[in-house]
Amino acid sequence: MITGVHSYAGVPLHFDGQPVGSLCVLPGEPGRFANADLNTLIDLAPEAVRLLHDAARD
């Protein structure tokens, strides 16, 4: 259970043009995210969608 989200960064995950969720980080401490952090989420989003797609086929 998350008891104190103080920061949030996320990117939407889309499959076949439909939103299916988000890839996000929820640190327990207040803070800002660097552009590199956000770019990492953006870069990882297609892999997350691929893993979801693979899991749905199994």
PDB file of N, CA and C in Angstrom:
ATOM      1  N   MET A   1       0.835  -1.179   0.000  1.00  0.00           N
ATOM      2  CA  MET A   1       0.000   0.000   0.000  1.00  0.00           C
ATOM      3  C   MET A   1       0.878   1.240   0.000  1.00  0.00           C
ATOM      4  N   ILE A   2       0.557   2.171  -0.848  1.00  0.00           N
ATOM      5  CA  ILE A   2       1.300   3.423  -0.916  1.00  0.00           C
ATOM      6  C   ILE A   2       0.642   4.401   0.046  1.00  0.00           C
ATOM      7  N   THR A   3       1.431   4.882   0.987  1.00  0.00           N
ATOM      8  CA  THR A   3       0.857   5.763   1.999  1.00  0.00           C
ATOM      9  C   THR A   3       1.208   7.227   1.807  1.00  0.00           C
ATOM     10  N   GLY A   4       2.139   7.521   0.933  1.00  0.00           N
ATOM     11  CA  GLY A   4       2.504   8.920   0.771  1.00  0.00           C
ATOM     12  C   GLY A   4       3.197   9.193  -0.540  1.00  0.00           C
ATOM     13  N   VAL A   5       2.433   9.423  -1.564  1.00  0.00           N
ATOM     14  CA  VAL A   5       3.022   9.775  -2.850  1.00  0.00           C
ATOM     15  C   VAL A   5       3.267  11.270  -2.842  1.00  0.00           C
ATOM     16  N   HIS A   6       4.515  11.626  -3.000  1.00  0.00           N
ATOM     17  CA  HIS A   6       4.869  13.042  -2.977  1.00  0.00           C
ATOM     18  C   HIS A   6       5.303  13.546  -4.342  1.00  0.00           C
ATOM     19  N   SER A   7       5.582  12.625  -5.236  1.00  0.00           N
ATOM     20  CA  SER A   7       5.976  12.976  -6.595  1.00  0.00           C
ATOM     21  C   SER A   7       5.419  11.906  -7.519  1.00  0.00           C
ATOM     22  N   TYR A   8       5.215  12.284  -8.773  1.00  0.00           N
ATOM     23  CA  TYR A   8       4.708  11.332  -9.749  1.00  0.00           C
ATOM     24  C   TYR A   8       5.235  11.723 -11.116  1.00  0.00           C
ATOM     25  N   ALA A   9       5.697  10.737 -11.845  1.00  0.00           N
ATOM     26  CA  ALA A   9       6.037  10.943 -13.256  1.00  0.00           C
ATOM     27  C   ALA A   9       5.540   9.718 -13.992  1.00  0.00           C
ATOM     28  N   GLY A  10       4.870   9.934 -15.093  1.00  0.00           N
ATOM     29  CA  GLY A  10       4.350   8.800 -15.839  1.00  0.00           C
ATOM     30  C   GLY A  10       4.130   9.123 -17.295  1.00  0.00           C
ATOM     31  N   VAL A  11       4.098   8.063 -18.094  1.00  0.00           N
ATOM     32  CA  VAL A  11       3.790   8.185 -19.516  1.00  0.00           C
ATOM     33  C   VAL A  11       2.709   7.171 -19.837  1.00  0.00           C
ATOM     34  N   PRO A  12       1.797   7.528 -20.737  1.00  0.00           N
ATOM     35  CA  PRO A  12       0.728   6.592 -21.086  1.00  0.00           C
ATOM     36  C   PRO A  12       1.259   5.434 -21.926  1.00  0.00           C
ATOM     37  N   LEU A  13       0.621   4.288 -21.765  1.00  0.00           N
ATOM     38  CA  LEU A  13       0.918   3.121 -22.588  1.00  0.00           C
ATOM     39  C   LEU A  13      -0.258   2.914 -23.522  1.00  0.00           C
ATOM     40  N   HIS A  14       0.024   2.780 -24.808  1.00  0.00           N
ATOM     41  CA  HIS A  14      -1.017   2.594 -25.818  1.00  0.00           C
ATOM     42  C   HIS A  14      -0.786   1.280 -26.550  1.00  0.00           C
ATOM     43  N   PHE A  15      -1.870   0.577 -26.817  1.00  0.00           N
ATOM     44  CA  PHE A  15      -1.820  -0.648 -27.605  1.00  0.00           C
ATOM     45  C   PHE A  15      -2.918  -0.565 -28.657  1.00  0.00           C
ATOM     46  N   ASP A  16      -2.538  -0.708 -29.900  1.00  0.00           N
ATOM     47  CA  ASP A  16      -3.485  -0.573 -31.016  1.00  0.00           C
ATOM     48  C   ASP A  16      -4.237   0.755 -30.938  1.00  0.00           C
ATOM     49  N   GLY A  17      -3.532   1.813 -30.543  1.00  0.00           N
ATOM     50  CA  GLY A  17      -4.132   3.131 -30.486  1.00  0.00           C
ATOM     51  C   GLY A  17      -4.989   3.402 -29.265  1.00  0.00           C
ATOM     52  N   GLN A  18      -5.129   2.406 -28.396  1.00  0.00           N
ATOM     53  CA  GLN A  18      -5.967   2.567 -27.204  1.00  0.00           C
ATOM     54  C   GLN A  18      -5.084   2.691 -25.956  1.00  0.00           C
ATOM     55  N   PRO A  19      -5.419   3.577 -25.049  1.00  0.00           N
ATOM     56  CA  PRO A  19      -4.664   3.647 -23.794  1.00  0.00           C
ATOM     57  C   PRO A  19      -4.947   2.400 -22.951  1.00  0.00           C
ATOM     58  N   VAL A  20      -3.889   1.799 -22.441  1.00  0.00           N
ATOM     59  CA  VAL A  20      -4.044   0.586 -21.624  1.00  0.00           C
ATOM     60  C   VAL A  20      -3.448   0.743 -20.229  1.00  0.00           C
ATOM     61  N   GLY A  21      -2.858   1.874 -19.946  1.00  0.00           N
ATOM     62  CA  GLY A  21      -2.282   2.071 -18.623  1.00  0.00           C
ATOM     63  C   GLY A  21      -1.194   3.120 -18.676  1.00  0.00           C
ATOM     64  N   SER A  22      -0.350   3.092 -17.667  1.00  0.00           N
ATOM     65  CA  SER A  22       0.768   4.034 -17.641  1.00  0.00           C
ATOM     66  C   SER A  22       1.978   3.366 -17.008  1.00  0.00           C
ATOM     67  N   LEU A  23       3.115   3.846 -17.412  1.00  0.00           N
ATOM     68  CA  LEU A  23       4.378   3.457 -16.801  1.00  0.00           C
ATOM     69  C   LEU A  23       4.777   4.639 -15.941  1.00  0.00           C
ATOM     70  N   CYS A  24       4.909   4.411 -14.642  1.00  0.00           N
ATOM     71  CA  CYS A  24       5.143   5.548 -13.766  1.00  0.00           C
ATOM     72  C   CYS A  24       6.077   5.198 -12.616  1.00  0.00           C
ATOM     73  N   VAL A  25       6.556   6.236 -11.999  1.00  0.00           N
ATOM     74  CA  VAL A  25       7.342   6.129 -10.774  1.00  0.00           C
ATOM     75  C   VAL A  25       6.671   6.993  -9.716  1.00  0.00           C
ATOM     76  N   LEU A  26       6.662   6.482  -8.489  1.00  0.00           N
ATOM     77  CA  LEU A  26       5.992   7.168  -7.385  1.00  0.00           C
ATOM     78  C   LEU A  26       6.930   7.228  -6.170  1.00  0.00           C
ATOM     79  N   PRO A  27       7.888   8.115  -6.190  1.00  0.00           N
ATOM     80  CA  PRO A  27       8.783   8.199  -5.043  1.00  0.00           C
ATOM     81  C   PRO A  27       8.044   8.632  -3.784  1.00  0.00           C
ATOM     82  N   GLY A  28       8.505   8.181  -2.658  1.00  0.00           N
ATOM     83  CA  GLY A  28       7.893   8.546  -1.394  1.00  0.00           C
ATOM     84  C   GLY A  28       8.383   9.866  -0.855  1.00  0.00           C
ATOM     85  N   GLU A  29       9.284  10.508  -1.588  1.00  0.00           N
ATOM     86  CA  GLU A  29       9.832  11.781  -1.150  1.00  0.00           C
ATOM     87  C   GLU A  29       9.532  12.860  -2.184  1.00  0.00           C
ATOM     88  N   PRO A  30       9.288  14.082  -1.751  1.00  0.00           N
ATOM     89  CA  PRO A  30       9.052  15.156  -2.708  1.00  0.00           C
ATOM     90  C   PRO A  30      10.284  15.381  -3.575  1.00  0.00           C
ATOM     91  N   GLY A  31      10.068  15.766  -4.787  1.00  0.00           N
ATOM     92  CA  GLY A  31      11.197  16.047  -5.660  1.00  0.00           C
ATOM     93  C   GLY A  31      10.749  16.349  -7.066  1.00  0.00           C
ATOM     94  N   ARG A  32      11.713  16.661  -7.877  1.00  0.00           N
ATOM     95  CA  ARG A  32      11.475  16.945  -9.287  1.00  0.00           C
ATOM     96  C   ARG A  32      12.203  15.885 -10.086  1.00  0.00           C
ATOM     97  N   PHE A  33      11.714  15.668 -11.276  1.00  0.00           N
ATOM     98  CA  PHE A  33      12.334  14.708 -12.167  1.00  0.00           C
ATOM     99  C   PHE A  33      13.124  15.458 -13.233  1.00  0.00           C
ATOM    100  N   ALA A  34      14.314  14.955 -13.513  1.00  0.00           N
ATOM    101  CA  ALA A  34      15.133  15.540 -14.566  1.00  0.00           C
ATOM    102  C   ALA A  34      14.596  15.098 -15.917  1.00  0.00           C
ATOM    103  N   ASN A  35      14.913  15.846 -16.949  1.00  0.00           N
ATOM    104  CA  ASN A  35      14.504  15.462 -18.297  1.00  0.00           C
ATOM    105  C   ASN A  35      14.991  14.061 -18.640  1.00  0.00           C
ATOM    106  N   ALA A  36      16.170  13.696 -18.175  1.00  0.00           N
ATOM    107  CA  ALA A  36      16.698  12.355 -18.443  1.00  0.00           C
ATOM    108  C   ALA A  36      15.795  11.289 -17.830  1.00  0.00           C
ATOM    109  N   ASP A  37      15.237  11.550 -16.653  1.00  0.00           N
ATOM    110  CA  ASP A  37      14.318  10.599 -16.013  1.00  0.00           C
ATOM    111  C   ASP A  37      13.065  10.414 -16.857  1.00  0.00           C
ATOM    112  N   LEU A  38      12.513  11.512 -17.319  1.00  0.00           N
ATOM    113  CA  LEU A  38      11.299  11.452 -18.128  1.00  0.00           C
ATOM    114  C   LEU A  38      11.575  10.791 -19.472  1.00  0.00           C
ATOM    115  N   ASN A  39      12.730  11.078 -20.060  1.00  0.00           N
ATOM    116  CA  ASN A  39      13.093  10.440 -21.320  1.00  0.00           C
ATOM    117  C   ASN A  39      13.266   8.945 -21.149  1.00  0.00           C
ATOM    118  N   THR A  40      13.758   8.517 -19.997  1.00  0.00           N
ATOM    119  CA  THR A  40      13.882   7.081 -19.730  1.00  0.00           C
ATOM    120  C   THR A  40      12.510   6.427 -19.705  1.00  0.00           C
ATOM    121  N   LEU A  41      11.545   7.054 -19.053  1.00  0.00           N
ATOM    122  CA  LEU A  41      10.180   6.512 -19.052  1.00  0.00           C
ATOM    123  C   LEU A  41       9.626   6.427 -20.473  1.00  0.00           C
ATOM    124  N   ILE A  42       9.840   7.468 -21.246  1.00  0.00           N
ATOM    125  CA  ILE A  42       9.362   7.479 -22.631  1.00  0.00           C
ATOM    126  C   ILE A  42      10.019   6.352 -23.426  1.00  0.00           C
ATOM    127  N   ASP A  43      11.313   6.165 -23.233  1.00  0.00           N
ATOM    128  CA  ASP A  43      12.038   5.117 -23.956  1.00  0.00           C
ATOM    129  C   ASP A  43      11.602   3.723 -23.538  1.00  0.00           C
ATOM    130  N   LEU A  44      11.217   3.549 -22.270  1.00  0.00           N
ATOM    131  CA  LEU A  44      10.825   2.231 -21.767  1.00  0.00           C
ATOM    132  C   LEU A  44       9.375   1.874 -22.077  1.00  0.00           C
ATOM    133  N   ALA A  45       8.559   2.857 -22.391  1.00  0.00           N
ATOM    134  CA  ALA A  45       7.131   2.605 -22.619  1.00  0.00           C
ATOM    135  C   ALA A  45       6.866   1.560 -23.705  1.00  0.00           C
ATOM    136  N   PRO A  46       7.525   1.598 -24.867  1.00  0.00           N
ATOM    137  CA  PRO A  46       7.253   0.566 -25.878  1.00  0.00           C
ATOM    138  C   PRO A  46       7.595  -0.843 -25.396  1.00  0.00           C
ATOM    139  N   GLU A  47       8.636  -0.984 -24.603  1.00  0.00           N
ATOM    140  CA  GLU A  47       8.987  -2.300 -24.056  1.00  0.00           C
ATOM    141  C   GLU A  47       7.921  -2.770 -23.080  1.00  0.00           C
ATOM    142  N   ALA A  48       7.394  -1.864 -22.276  1.00  0.00           N
ATOM    143  CA  ALA A  48       6.325  -2.229 -21.342  1.00  0.00           C
ATOM    144  C   ALA A  48       5.095  -2.704 -22.108  1.00  0.00           C
ATOM    145  N   VAL A  49       4.753  -2.025 -23.190  1.00  0.00           N
ATOM    146  CA  VAL A  49       3.608  -2.439 -24.008  1.00  0.00           C
ATOM    147  C   VAL A  49       3.872  -3.810 -24.617  1.00  0.00           C
ATOM    148  N   ARG A  50       5.090  -4.046 -25.096  1.00  0.00           N
ATOM    149  CA  ARG A  50       5.420  -5.347 -25.664  1.00  0.00           C
ATOM    150  C   ARG A  50       5.249  -6.447 -24.632  1.00  0.00           C
ATOM    151  N   LEU A  51       5.704  -6.210 -23.409  1.00  0.00           N
ATOM    152  CA  LEU A  51       5.576  -7.212 -22.347  1.00  0.00           C
ATOM    153  C   LEU A  51       4.110  -7.466 -22.003  1.00  0.00           C
ATOM    154  N   LEU A  52       3.307  -6.413 -21.970  1.00  0.00           N
ATOM    155  CA  LEU A  52       1.870  -6.592 -21.721  1.00  0.00           C
ATOM    156  C   LEU A  52       1.229  -7.417 -22.847  1.00  0.00           C
ATOM    157  N   HIS A  53       1.598  -7.120 -24.068  1.00  0.00           N
ATOM    158  CA  HIS A  53       1.063  -7.838 -25.218  1.00  0.00           C
ATOM    159  C   HIS A  53       1.455  -9.318 -25.148  1.00  0.00           C
ATOM    160  N   ASP A  54       2.718  -9.584 -24.836  1.00  0.00           N
ATOM    161  CA  ASP A  54       3.190 -10.964 -24.719  1.00  0.00           C
ATOM    162  C   ASP A  54       2.465 -11.706 -23.606  1.00  0.00           C
ATOM    163  N   ALA A  55       2.245 -11.038 -22.485  1.00  0.00           N
ATOM    164  CA  ALA A  55       1.561 -11.663 -21.359  1.00  0.00           C
ATOM    165  C   ALA A  55       0.101 -11.970 -21.705  1.00  0.00           C
ATOM    166  N   ALA A  56      -0.517 -11.116 -22.494  1.00  0.00           N
ATOM    167  CA  ALA A  56      -1.914 -11.328 -22.879  1.00  0.00           C
ATOM    168  C   ALA A  56      -2.061 -12.530 -23.802  1.00  0.00           C
ATOM    169  N   ARG A  57      -1.018 -12.831 -24.563  1.00  0.00           N
ATOM    170  CA  ARG A  57      -1.069 -13.974 -25.489  1.00  0.00           C
ATOM    171  C   ARG A  57      -0.895 -15.302 -24.749  1.00  0.00           C
ATOM    172  N   ASP A  58      -0.243 -15.267 -23.593  1.00  0.00           N
ATOM    173  CA  ASP A  58       0.024 -16.512 -22.840  1.00  0.00           C
ATOM    174  C   ASP A  58      -1.186 -16.989 -22.072  1.00  0.00           C
TER     175      ASP A  58
END
